[in-house]
Amino acid sequence: MRLHLENETPPTRITSYGDGYVVVNEERHTTSLILFPNRVDSNWAISRPEDLTDDDIVRLVADRPAIILVGTGRTQRFPPSEILQPAYAQGIGVEVMNTMAACRTFNVLASENRDVVAAIIIEPAPEP
């Protein structure tokens, strides 16, 4: 007999990724999203790190994670440093990397039960 809590939310795991998409818990996403250890916020309309606003950072720090990962698309591109100040002011670490590295890092940290949030920017797949 298998016992489990009915209200238990499954952990957020990135199960695959590629050019123009990320699959989270077997659900494919083709637009940017925010990943929390036990939920996904797919209502995030960012397509470039340069578009990050103060409101986006406030949204990322709301749950007071220990670390925020910012996946910036195909290449590592740093958002303006002043945008990240709300996180730094609360002692929250911010790591900026390309989206594929952010996906791998999120899975590792989440599997260690670390308090992590990942802001994953998904750029459209390039035209063939």
C-alpha atoms as a PDB file:
ATOM      1  CA  MET A   1       0.000   0.000   0.000  1.00  0.00           C
ATOM      2  CA  ARG A   2       1.299   3.443  -0.930  1.00  0.00           C
ATOM      3  CA  LEU A   3       0.646   6.316   1.454  1.00  0.00           C
ATOM      4  CA  HIS A   4       0.928   9.986   0.579  1.00  0.00           C
ATOM      5  CA  LEU A   5      -0.665  13.281   1.449  1.00  0.00           C
ATOM      6  CA  GLU A   6      -3.388  14.209  -1.020  1.00  0.00           C
ATOM      7  CA  ASN A   7      -2.599  17.911  -0.798  1.00  0.00           C
ATOM      8  CA  GLU A   8       1.115  17.384  -1.276  1.00  0.00           C
ATOM      9  CA  THR A   9       2.399  19.435  -4.193  1.00  0.00           C
ATOM     10  CA  PRO A  10       4.941  17.603  -6.338  1.00  0.00           C
ATOM     11  CA  PRO A  11       8.370  19.210  -6.450  1.00  0.00           C
ATOM     12  CA  THR A  12       9.160  21.363  -9.454  1.00  0.00           C
ATOM     13  CA  ARG A  13      11.637  19.616 -11.744  1.00  0.00           C
ATOM     14  CA  ILE A  14      12.889  20.530 -15.178  1.00  0.00           C
ATOM     15  CA  THR A  15      12.612  17.312 -17.133  1.00  0.00           C
ATOM     16  CA  SER A  16      14.094  18.589 -20.420  1.00  0.00           C
ATOM     17  CA  TYR A  17      15.014  21.742 -22.277  1.00  0.00           C
ATOM     18  CA  GLY A  18      16.157  22.880 -25.683  1.00  0.00           C
ATOM     19  CA  ASP A  19      16.149  25.782 -28.084  1.00  0.00           C
ATOM     20  CA  GLY A  20      12.941  27.714 -27.445  1.00  0.00           C
ATOM     21  CA  TYR A  21      11.423  25.527 -24.711  1.00  0.00           C
ATOM     22  CA  VAL A  22      11.686  24.109 -21.201  1.00  0.00           C
ATOM     23  CA  VAL A  23       9.704  21.106 -19.957  1.00  0.00           C
ATOM     24  CA  VAL A  24       8.749  21.329 -16.273  1.00  0.00           C
ATOM     25  CA  ASN A  25       7.110  18.302 -14.673  1.00  0.00           C
ATOM     26  CA  GLU A  26       6.348  16.986 -18.179  1.00  0.00           C
ATOM     27  CA  GLU A  27       4.645  20.251 -19.256  1.00  0.00           C
ATOM     28  CA  ARG A  28       6.289  22.079 -22.167  1.00  0.00           C
ATOM     29  CA  HIS A  29       6.737  25.861 -21.862  1.00  0.00           C
ATOM     30  CA  THR A  30       7.739  28.077 -24.778  1.00  0.00           C
ATOM     31  CA  THR A  31       7.581  31.396 -22.932  1.00  0.00           C
ATOM     32  CA  SER A  32       9.521  32.664 -19.938  1.00  0.00           C
ATOM     33  CA  LEU A  33       8.571  31.429 -16.482  1.00  0.00           C
ATOM     34  CA  ILE A  34       9.465  31.572 -12.816  1.00  0.00           C
ATOM     35  CA  LEU A  35      10.171  28.322 -10.999  1.00  0.00           C
ATOM     36  CA  PHE A  36       9.713  27.842  -7.289  1.00  0.00           C
ATOM     37  CA  PRO A  37      10.487  24.579  -5.477  1.00  0.00           C
ATOM     38  CA  ASN A  38       6.807  23.548  -5.539  1.00  0.00           C
ATOM     39  CA  ARG A  39       5.135  25.680  -8.189  1.00  0.00           C
ATOM     40  CA  VAL A  40       5.519  27.248 -11.604  1.00  0.00           C
ATOM     41  CA  ASP A  41       4.505  30.786 -12.562  1.00  0.00           C
ATOM     42  CA  SER A  42       4.174  30.790 -16.342  1.00  0.00           C
ATOM     43  CA  ASN A  43       2.660  34.253 -16.414  1.00  0.00           C
ATOM     44  CA  TRP A  44       5.907  36.163 -16.949  1.00  0.00           C
ATOM     45  CA  ALA A  45       6.243  38.235 -20.108  1.00  0.00           C
ATOM     46  CA  ILE A  46      10.007  38.771 -20.258  1.00  0.00           C
ATOM     47  CA  SER A  47      11.985  37.903 -23.365  1.00  0.00           C
ATOM     48  CA  ARG A  48      15.331  39.585 -22.619  1.00  0.00           C
ATOM     49  CA  PRO A  49      17.245  40.271 -19.395  1.00  0.00           C
ATOM     50  CA  GLU A  50      17.380  43.930 -20.393  1.00  0.00           C
ATOM     51  CA  ASP A  51      13.587  44.023 -19.952  1.00  0.00           C
ATOM     52  CA  LEU A  52      13.685  43.098 -16.246  1.00  0.00           C
ATOM     53  CA  THR A  53      12.034  45.709 -14.056  1.00  0.00           C
ATOM     54  CA  ASP A  54      11.929  46.481 -10.350  1.00  0.00           C
ATOM     55  CA  ASP A  55       8.497  44.807 -10.238  1.00  0.00           C
ATOM     56  CA  ASP A  56       9.990  41.584 -11.622  1.00  0.00           C
ATOM     57  CA  ILE A  57      12.649  41.498  -8.915  1.00  0.00           C
ATOM     58  CA  VAL A  58      10.077  42.259  -6.201  1.00  0.00           C
ATOM     59  CA  ARG A  59       8.120  39.268  -7.510  1.00  0.00           C
ATOM     60  CA  LEU A  60      11.223  37.058  -7.304  1.00  0.00           C
ATOM     61  CA  VAL A  61      12.113  38.072  -3.744  1.00  0.00           C
ATOM     62  CA  ALA A  62       8.539  37.868  -2.383  1.00  0.00           C
ATOM     63  CA  ASP A  63       9.043  34.363  -0.952  1.00  0.00           C
ATOM     64  CA  ARG A  64      12.477  35.344   0.418  1.00  0.00           C
ATOM     65  CA  PRO A  65      14.501  32.594  -1.270  1.00  0.00           C
ATOM     66  CA  ALA A  66      18.134  32.080  -0.357  1.00  0.00           C
ATOM     67  CA  ILE A  67      19.152  32.323  -4.006  1.00  0.00           C
ATOM     68  CA  ILE A  68      17.685  33.530  -7.278  1.00  0.00           C
ATOM     69  CA  LEU A  69      18.892  32.051 -10.550  1.00  0.00           C
ATOM     70  CA  VAL A  70      18.382  34.161 -13.654  1.00  0.00           C
ATOM     71  CA  GLY A  71      18.545  32.210 -16.913  1.00  0.00           C
ATOM     72  CA  THR A  72      19.121  34.809 -19.624  1.00  0.00           C
ATOM     73  CA  GLY A  73      18.457  32.867 -22.812  1.00  0.00           C
ATOM     74  CA  ARG A  74      21.035  31.276 -25.099  1.00  0.00           C
ATOM     75  CA  THR A  75      23.874  33.400 -23.745  1.00  0.00           C
ATOM     76  CA  GLN A  76      24.742  34.863 -20.380  1.00  0.00           C
ATOM     77  CA  ARG A  77      23.692  38.516 -20.351  1.00  0.00           C
ATOM     78  CA  PHE A  78      23.624  40.538 -17.164  1.00  0.00           C
ATOM     79  CA  PRO A  79      20.600  42.680 -16.312  1.00  0.00           C
ATOM     80  CA  PRO A  80      21.293  46.207 -15.082  1.00  0.00           C
ATOM     81  CA  SER A  81      22.830  45.888 -11.610  1.00  0.00           C
ATOM     82  CA  GLU A  82      20.515  48.480 -10.063  1.00  0.00           C
ATOM     83  CA  ILE A  83      17.538  46.227 -10.921  1.00  0.00           C
ATOM     84  CA  LEU A  84      18.944  43.515  -8.637  1.00  0.00           C
ATOM     85  CA  GLN A  85      19.297  45.800  -5.592  1.00  0.00           C
ATOM     86  CA  PRO A  86      16.054  44.642  -3.876  1.00  0.00           C
ATOM     87  CA  ALA A  87      17.471  41.109  -3.752  1.00  0.00           C
ATOM     88  CA  TYR A  88      20.873  42.234  -2.507  1.00  0.00           C
ATOM     89  CA  ALA A  89      19.253  44.475   0.134  1.00  0.00           C
ATOM     90  CA  GLN A  90      17.510  41.404   1.583  1.00  0.00           C
ATOM     91  CA  GLY A  91      20.676  39.301   1.544  1.00  0.00           C
ATOM     92  CA  ILE A  92      19.426  37.128  -1.315  1.00  0.00           C
ATOM     93  CA  GLY A  93      22.093  35.797  -3.653  1.00  0.00           C
ATOM     94  CA  VAL A  94      21.605  36.250  -7.393  1.00  0.00           C
ATOM     95  CA  GLU A  95      23.332  34.107 -10.006  1.00  0.00           C
ATOM     96  CA  VAL A  96      23.070  35.054 -13.675  1.00  0.00           C
ATOM     97  CA  MET A  97      23.750  32.378 -16.315  1.00  0.00           C
ATOM     98  CA  ASN A  98      22.408  31.148 -19.628  1.00  0.00           C
ATOM     99  CA  THR A  99      19.053  29.409 -19.458  1.00  0.00           C
ATOM    100  CA  MET A 100      20.395  25.889 -19.939  1.00  0.00           C
ATOM    101  CA  ALA A 101      22.843  26.310 -17.039  1.00  0.00           C
ATOM    102  CA  ALA A 102      20.067  27.832 -14.905  1.00  0.00           C
ATOM    103  CA  CYS A 103      17.868  24.779 -15.610  1.00  0.00           C
ATOM    104  CA  ARG A 104      20.592  22.365 -14.519  1.00  0.00           C
ATOM    105  CA  THR A 105      21.474  24.421 -11.454  1.00  0.00           C
ATOM    106  CA  PHE A 106      17.827  24.738 -10.402  1.00  0.00           C
ATOM    107  CA  ASN A 107      17.386  20.959 -10.501  1.00  0.00           C
ATOM    108  CA  VAL A 108      20.501  20.381  -8.413  1.00  0.00           C
ATOM    109  CA  LEU A 109      19.621  22.995  -5.789  1.00  0.00           C
ATOM    110  CA  ALA A 110      15.952  21.958  -5.642  1.00  0.00           C
ATOM    111  CA  SER A 111      16.946  18.296  -5.226  1.00  0.00           C
ATOM    112  CA  GLU A 112      19.040  19.378  -2.225  1.00  0.00           C
ATOM    113  CA  ASN A 113      15.933  21.102  -0.799  1.00  0.00           C
ATOM    114  CA  ARG A 114      17.616  24.480  -1.145  1.00  0.00           C
ATOM    115  CA  ASP A 115      15.405  27.563  -1.095  1.00  0.00           C
ATOM    116  CA  VAL A 116      15.809  28.572  -4.734  1.00  0.00           C
ATOM    117  CA  VAL A 117      13.808  30.526  -7.305  1.00  0.00           C
ATOM    118  CA  ALA A 118      14.673  30.459 -11.010  1.00  0.00           C
ATOM    119  CA  ALA A 119      13.657  33.158 -13.459  1.00  0.00           C
ATOM    120  CA  ILE A 120      13.944  31.372 -16.794  1.00  0.00           C
ATOM    121  CA  ILE A 121      13.978  33.513 -19.925  1.00  0.00           C
ATOM    122  CA  ILE A 122      13.050  31.459 -22.972  1.00  0.00           C
ATOM    123  CA  GLU A 123      13.977  32.962 -26.296  1.00  0.00           C
ATOM    124  CA  PRO A 124      12.097  31.798 -29.386  1.00  0.00           C
ATOM    125  CA  ALA A 125      13.837  29.041 -31.332  1.00  0.00           C
ATOM    126  CA  PRO A 126      15.879  30.438 -34.219  1.00  0.00           C
ATOM    127  CA  GLU A 127      14.421  30.213 -37.697  1.00  0.00           C
ATOM    128  CA  PRO A 128      15.852  27.304 -39.742  1.00  0.00           C
END
